[in-house]
């Protein structure tokens, strides 16, 4: 005998809803008839009532309670209706709810939830979109402890600690590597700076970084030197120096510096 030919009796929740709607319980010969009569009475409100039973079923599951009827949830009717409307306002909830409660045995009753669906026992899967959306609504409403659920759903402590320690080590190694690279880059930058600066003029005093840099002098560097000397004593600067070789240029520089030193020495004698 096929399952479609089996007659399923209405569940206690369906009988309770039918009674509240004024339907003769004796007329509920099976679950299909009960659902048909209930939805005929509810009309457009049928979806809202189904959502109400569904979301309260999810709350019961998360709270690990054993309610047999909605009033046992300690939530007022207005609060239950509000939760149902909040779920229906979530895009995709109505479609998922219609899919997971396609079998009449799953409508208008407090359902159970597990990893696998078992319609015969009134158990639905926790992987459905409707279930997950209902969980989110309950969390936002403050009826579910989010942190507690995270702890319960987390891996074993040993696995968790091992994973976190490994992650921490990787992050620390990455930070150390970044800091080291920054330090090297800083040193290279400073070295490049000093190697590019042949001469610094500070408070009208000329200073040479090192003897190893005296071997070559570009046109631009020579022009910078000429400008610096002009600032020290404009009278020392010639209008147009034609020296081409590095030796000539350095001879001129040393001669100018020697002359400047002589005048400074003479000036100090008469002070």
Protein backbone atom coordinates (compact mmCIF):
# COMPACT_ATOMS: atom_id res chain seq x y z
CA UNK A 1 0.00 0.00 0.00
CA UNK A 2 1.51 3.34 -1.05
CA UNK A 3 2.08 6.19 1.38
CA UNK A 4 -0.37 8.39 -0.55
CA UNK A 5 -3.21 6.04 0.34
CA UNK A 6 -2.42 6.13 4.07
CA UNK A 7 -4.85 8.23 6.12
CA UNK A 8 -3.09 10.50 8.62
CA UNK A 9 -5.07 11.73 11.54
CA UNK A 10 -4.92 15.45 12.43
CA UNK A 11 -2.36 16.40 15.04
CA UNK A 12 -3.27 18.11 18.35
CA UNK A 13 -2.26 21.52 16.99
CA UNK A 14 -4.60 21.23 14.02
CA UNK A 15 -7.45 20.17 16.30
CA UNK A 16 -6.78 23.17 18.56
CA UNK A 17 -6.77 25.66 15.67
CA UNK A 18 -9.95 24.13 14.21
CA UNK A 19 -11.67 24.36 17.59
CA UNK A 20 -10.68 28.03 18.00
CA UNK A 21 -12.15 28.72 14.55
CA UNK A 22 -15.44 27.06 15.48
CA UNK A 23 -14.91 23.97 13.33
CA UNK A 24 -16.50 20.74 14.55
CA UNK A 25 -13.62 18.50 15.58
CA UNK A 26 -15.69 15.46 14.59
CA UNK A 27 -15.44 16.62 10.98
CA UNK A 28 -11.66 16.32 11.05
CA UNK A 29 -11.47 12.81 9.67
CA UNK A 30 -7.81 13.19 8.62
CA UNK A 31 -5.01 15.73 8.37
CA UNK A 32 -5.84 16.73 4.80
CA UNK A 33 -9.46 17.48 5.68
CA UNK A 34 -8.40 19.37 8.81
CA UNK A 35 -6.01 21.62 6.86
CA UNK A 36 -8.57 22.25 4.13
CA UNK A 37 -11.26 23.29 6.64
CA UNK A 38 -8.82 25.45 8.64
CA UNK A 39 -7.54 27.32 5.60
CA UNK A 40 -11.07 27.80 4.30
CA UNK A 41 -11.88 29.60 7.53
CA UNK A 42 -8.61 31.56 7.73
CA UNK A 43 -8.52 32.72 4.11
CA UNK A 44 -5.58 35.08 3.54
CA UNK A 45 -4.55 34.81 7.18
CA UNK A 46 -3.62 31.14 6.72
CA UNK A 47 -0.01 31.99 5.79
CA UNK A 48 0.40 34.17 8.88
CA UNK A 49 -0.92 31.44 11.20
CA UNK A 50 1.35 28.82 9.62
CA UNK A 51 4.30 31.18 10.08
CA UNK A 52 3.30 31.71 13.71
CA UNK A 53 3.39 27.98 14.46
CA UNK A 54 6.65 27.62 12.54
CA UNK A 55 8.57 30.41 14.27
CA UNK A 56 7.37 29.25 17.70
CA UNK A 57 8.57 25.76 16.77
CA UNK A 58 12.01 27.19 15.99
CA UNK A 59 12.05 29.07 19.29
CA UNK A 60 11.10 25.89 21.15
CA UNK A 61 13.92 24.02 19.41
CA UNK A 62 16.54 26.69 20.19
CA UNK A 63 15.34 26.98 23.78
CA UNK A 64 15.30 23.17 24.17
CA UNK A 65 11.79 23.35 25.59
CA UNK A 66 8.98 20.78 25.46
CA UNK A 67 5.97 22.96 24.69
CA UNK A 68 2.87 21.18 23.51
CA UNK A 69 0.90 24.35 22.69
CA UNK A 70 1.67 27.95 21.82
CA UNK A 71 0.47 29.46 25.14
CA UNK A 72 3.19 27.48 26.94
CA UNK A 73 5.82 29.69 25.29
CA UNK A 74 4.89 32.48 27.76
CA UNK A 75 4.67 34.89 24.82
CA UNK A 76 1.51 36.90 24.32
CA UNK A 77 -0.57 36.38 21.19
CA UNK A 78 0.41 39.87 20.01
CA UNK A 79 4.12 39.02 20.38
CA UNK A 80 3.68 35.73 18.50
CA UNK A 81 1.85 37.45 15.67
CA UNK A 82 4.55 40.13 15.52
CA UNK A 83 7.27 37.47 15.19
CA UNK A 84 5.33 35.75 12.41
CA UNK A 85 4.94 39.03 10.51
CA UNK A 86 8.63 39.81 10.95
CA UNK A 87 9.51 36.46 9.40
CA UNK A 88 7.10 36.94 6.51
CA UNK A 89 8.68 40.35 5.87
CA UNK A 90 12.00 38.64 5.14
CA UNK A 91 12.39 38.07 1.41
CA UNK A 92 12.17 34.41 0.53
CA UNK A 93 10.71 33.25 3.84
CA UNK A 94 7.18 32.65 2.53
CA UNK A 95 8.44 30.58 -0.41
CA UNK A 96 10.69 28.46 1.78
CA UNK A 97 7.96 27.98 4.37
CA UNK A 98 5.54 26.82 1.70
CA UNK A 99 8.13 24.33 0.45
CA UNK A 100 9.14 22.83 3.79
CA UNK A 101 5.52 22.55 5.00
CA UNK A 102 4.18 21.17 1.74
CA UNK A 103 2.97 18.04 3.52
CA UNK A 104 -0.24 18.77 5.45
CA UNK A 105 1.13 16.87 8.44
CA UNK A 106 3.64 19.67 9.00
CA UNK A 107 1.11 22.53 9.12
CA UNK A 108 -0.41 24.14 12.23
CA UNK A 109 1.65 22.20 14.74
CA UNK A 110 4.76 22.52 16.87
CA UNK A 111 7.49 20.98 14.78
CA UNK A 112 10.79 19.41 15.68
CA UNK A 113 14.07 20.13 13.91
CA UNK A 114 17.06 17.97 13.12
CA UNK A 115 19.76 17.56 10.51
CA UNK A 116 17.44 15.35 8.45
CA UNK A 117 13.76 15.70 7.64
CA UNK A 118 11.27 13.18 9.05
CA UNK A 119 7.75 14.21 8.12
CA UNK A 120 6.20 11.19 9.85
CA UNK A 121 7.44 12.47 13.20
CA UNK A 122 6.84 16.10 12.36
CA UNK A 123 10.56 16.88 12.08
CA UNK A 124 12.01 19.32 9.55
CA UNK A 125 15.60 20.02 8.55
CA UNK A 126 17.56 22.86 10.13
CA UNK A 127 19.22 23.57 6.79
CA UNK A 128 16.13 25.16 5.23
CA UNK A 129 16.06 28.88 4.49
CA UNK A 130 12.87 29.30 6.50
CA UNK A 131 14.53 27.88 9.61
CA UNK A 132 17.62 30.07 9.26
CA UNK A 133 15.55 33.19 8.63
CA UNK A 134 13.41 32.47 11.66
CA UNK A 135 16.54 32.08 13.78
CA UNK A 136 17.74 35.52 12.63
CA UNK A 137 14.41 37.12 13.51
CA UNK A 138 14.45 35.54 16.97
CA UNK A 139 18.01 36.73 17.53
CA UNK A 140 17.17 40.29 16.52
CA UNK A 141 14.15 40.19 18.84
CA UNK A 142 16.38 39.16 21.75
CA UNK A 143 14.67 35.79 22.31
CA UNK A 144 17.80 33.82 21.43
CA UNK A 145 21.21 34.20 23.08
CA UNK A 146 23.52 34.65 20.10
CA UNK A 147 26.77 34.14 22.04
CA UNK A 148 25.45 31.00 23.70
CA UNK A 149 24.49 29.54 20.33
CA UNK A 150 27.96 30.28 19.00
CA UNK A 151 29.58 28.39 21.88
CA UNK A 152 27.25 25.42 21.50
CA UNK A 153 27.80 25.22 17.75
CA UNK A 154 31.60 25.66 17.93
CA UNK A 155 34.07 22.75 17.52
CA UNK A 156 35.52 20.89 20.46
CA UNK A 157 37.72 22.98 22.72
CA UNK A 158 40.87 21.14 21.67
CA UNK A 159 40.20 21.69 17.99
CA UNK A 160 39.19 25.29 18.59
CA UNK A 161 42.29 26.13 20.66
CA UNK A 162 44.59 24.43 18.19
CA UNK A 163 43.05 26.36 15.31
CA UNK A 164 43.21 29.67 17.15
CA UNK A 165 46.82 29.10 18.23
CA UNK A 166 47.86 28.31 14.68
CA UNK A 167 46.05 31.40 13.41
CA UNK A 168 47.70 33.54 16.08
CA UNK A 169 51.15 32.25 15.16
CA UNK A 170 50.57 32.97 11.49
CA UNK A 171 49.32 36.48 12.26
CA UNK A 172 52.30 37.15 14.54
CA UNK A 173 54.73 35.91 11.88
CA UNK A 174 53.04 38.10 9.29
CA UNK A 175 53.24 41.16 11.52
CA UNK A 176 56.92 40.49 12.25
CA UNK A 177 57.63 40.13 8.55
CA UNK A 178 55.86 43.39 7.77
CA UNK A 179 57.76 45.24 10.51
CA UNK A 180 61.07 43.84 9.29
CA UNK A 181 60.35 44.85 5.71
CA UNK A 182 59.44 48.35 6.84
CA UNK A 183 62.74 48.64 8.75
CA UNK A 184 64.79 47.51 5.78
CA UNK A 185 62.93 49.85 3.47
CA UNK A 186 63.57 52.73 5.86
CA UNK A 187 67.30 52.05 6.01
CA UNK A 188 67.53 51.74 2.23
CA UNK A 189 65.65 54.99 1.83
CA UNK A 190 68.01 56.80 4.19
CA UNK A 191 71.08 55.38 2.44
CA UNK A 192 69.74 56.42 -0.93
CA UNK A 193 69.07 59.89 0.40
CA UNK A 194 72.62 60.42 1.66
CA UNK A 195 74.19 58.92 -1.43
CA UNK A 196 72.20 61.30 -3.63
CA UNK A 197 73.13 64.34 -1.53
CA UNK A 198 76.69 65.27 -2.49
CA UNK A 199 76.70 68.44 -0.47
CA UNK A 200 74.44 69.88 2.26
CA UNK A 201 74.26 73.59 2.98
CA UNK A 202 73.34 74.22 6.62
CA UNK A 203 73.52 77.71 8.09
CA UNK A 204 75.70 78.82 5.16
CA UNK A 205 78.31 76.16 6.01
CA UNK A 206 79.42 73.64 3.40
CA UNK A 207 79.80 69.97 4.42
CA UNK A 208 80.90 66.99 2.32
CA UNK A 209 79.36 63.55 3.11
CA UNK A 210 82.48 61.56 2.31
CA UNK A 211 85.68 61.34 0.30
CA UNK A 212 84.37 58.45 -1.77
CA UNK A 213 81.92 60.82 -3.44
CA UNK A 214 84.56 63.31 -4.63
CA UNK A 215 85.44 61.31 -7.71
CA UNK A 216 82.56 62.41 -9.92
CA UNK A 217 80.30 65.42 -10.16
CA UNK A 218 77.35 65.88 -12.50
CA UNK A 219 76.40 69.12 -14.21
CA UNK A 220 73.41 69.51 -11.91
CA UNK A 221 75.51 68.91 -8.78
CA UNK A 222 78.09 71.45 -9.97
CA UNK A 223 75.32 74.00 -10.58
CA UNK A 224 73.98 73.35 -7.03
CA UNK A 225 77.50 73.90 -5.64
CA UNK A 226 77.86 77.13 -7.56
CA UNK A 227 74.55 78.36 -6.18
CA UNK A 228 75.56 77.43 -2.61
CA UNK A 229 78.86 79.29 -2.92
CA UNK A 230 77.04 82.33 -4.25
CA UNK A 231 74.91 82.38 -1.10
CA UNK A 232 78.02 82.28 1.11
CA UNK A 233 79.64 85.24 -0.67
CA UNK A 234 78.17 86.52 -3.93
CA UNK A 235 81.46 88.19 -4.76
CA UNK A 236 83.21 84.83 -4.90
CA UNK A 237 80.97 83.42 -7.64
CA UNK A 238 82.11 83.93 -11.21
CA UNK A 239 79.58 84.77 -13.85
CA UNK A 240 80.36 81.81 -16.07
CA UNK A 241 82.67 78.92 -15.11
CA UNK A 242 83.85 76.95 -18.06
CA UNK A 243 85.70 74.16 -16.26
CA UNK A 244 84.79 70.81 -17.77
CA UNK A 245 86.84 68.24 -15.86
CA UNK A 246 86.15 67.10 -12.30
CA UNK A 247 89.74 67.94 -11.25
CA UNK A 248 89.38 71.52 -12.47
CA UNK A 249 86.11 71.88 -10.67
CA UNK A 250 87.48 70.58 -7.36
CA UNK A 251 90.59 72.74 -7.68
CA UNK A 252 88.38 75.76 -8.09
CA UNK A 253 86.22 74.75 -5.11
CA UNK A 254 89.27 74.22 -2.88
CA UNK A 255 90.74 77.55 -4.01
CA UNK A 256 87.53 79.39 -3.20
CA UNK A 257 87.29 77.69 0.21
CA UNK A 258 90.94 78.50 0.97
CA UNK A 259 90.34 82.14 0.05
CA UNK A 260 87.24 82.26 2.21
CA UNK A 261 89.18 80.73 5.09
CA UNK A 262 91.96 83.32 4.70
CA UNK A 263 89.53 86.23 4.83
CA UNK A 264 87.86 84.73 7.90
CA UNK A 265 91.26 84.32 9.59
CA UNK A 266 92.24 87.94 8.81
CA UNK A 267 88.90 89.14 10.06
CA UNK A 268 89.37 87.33 13.37
CA UNK A 269 92.78 88.96 13.88
CA UNK A 270 91.34 92.47 13.77
CA UNK A 271 88.37 91.73 16.01
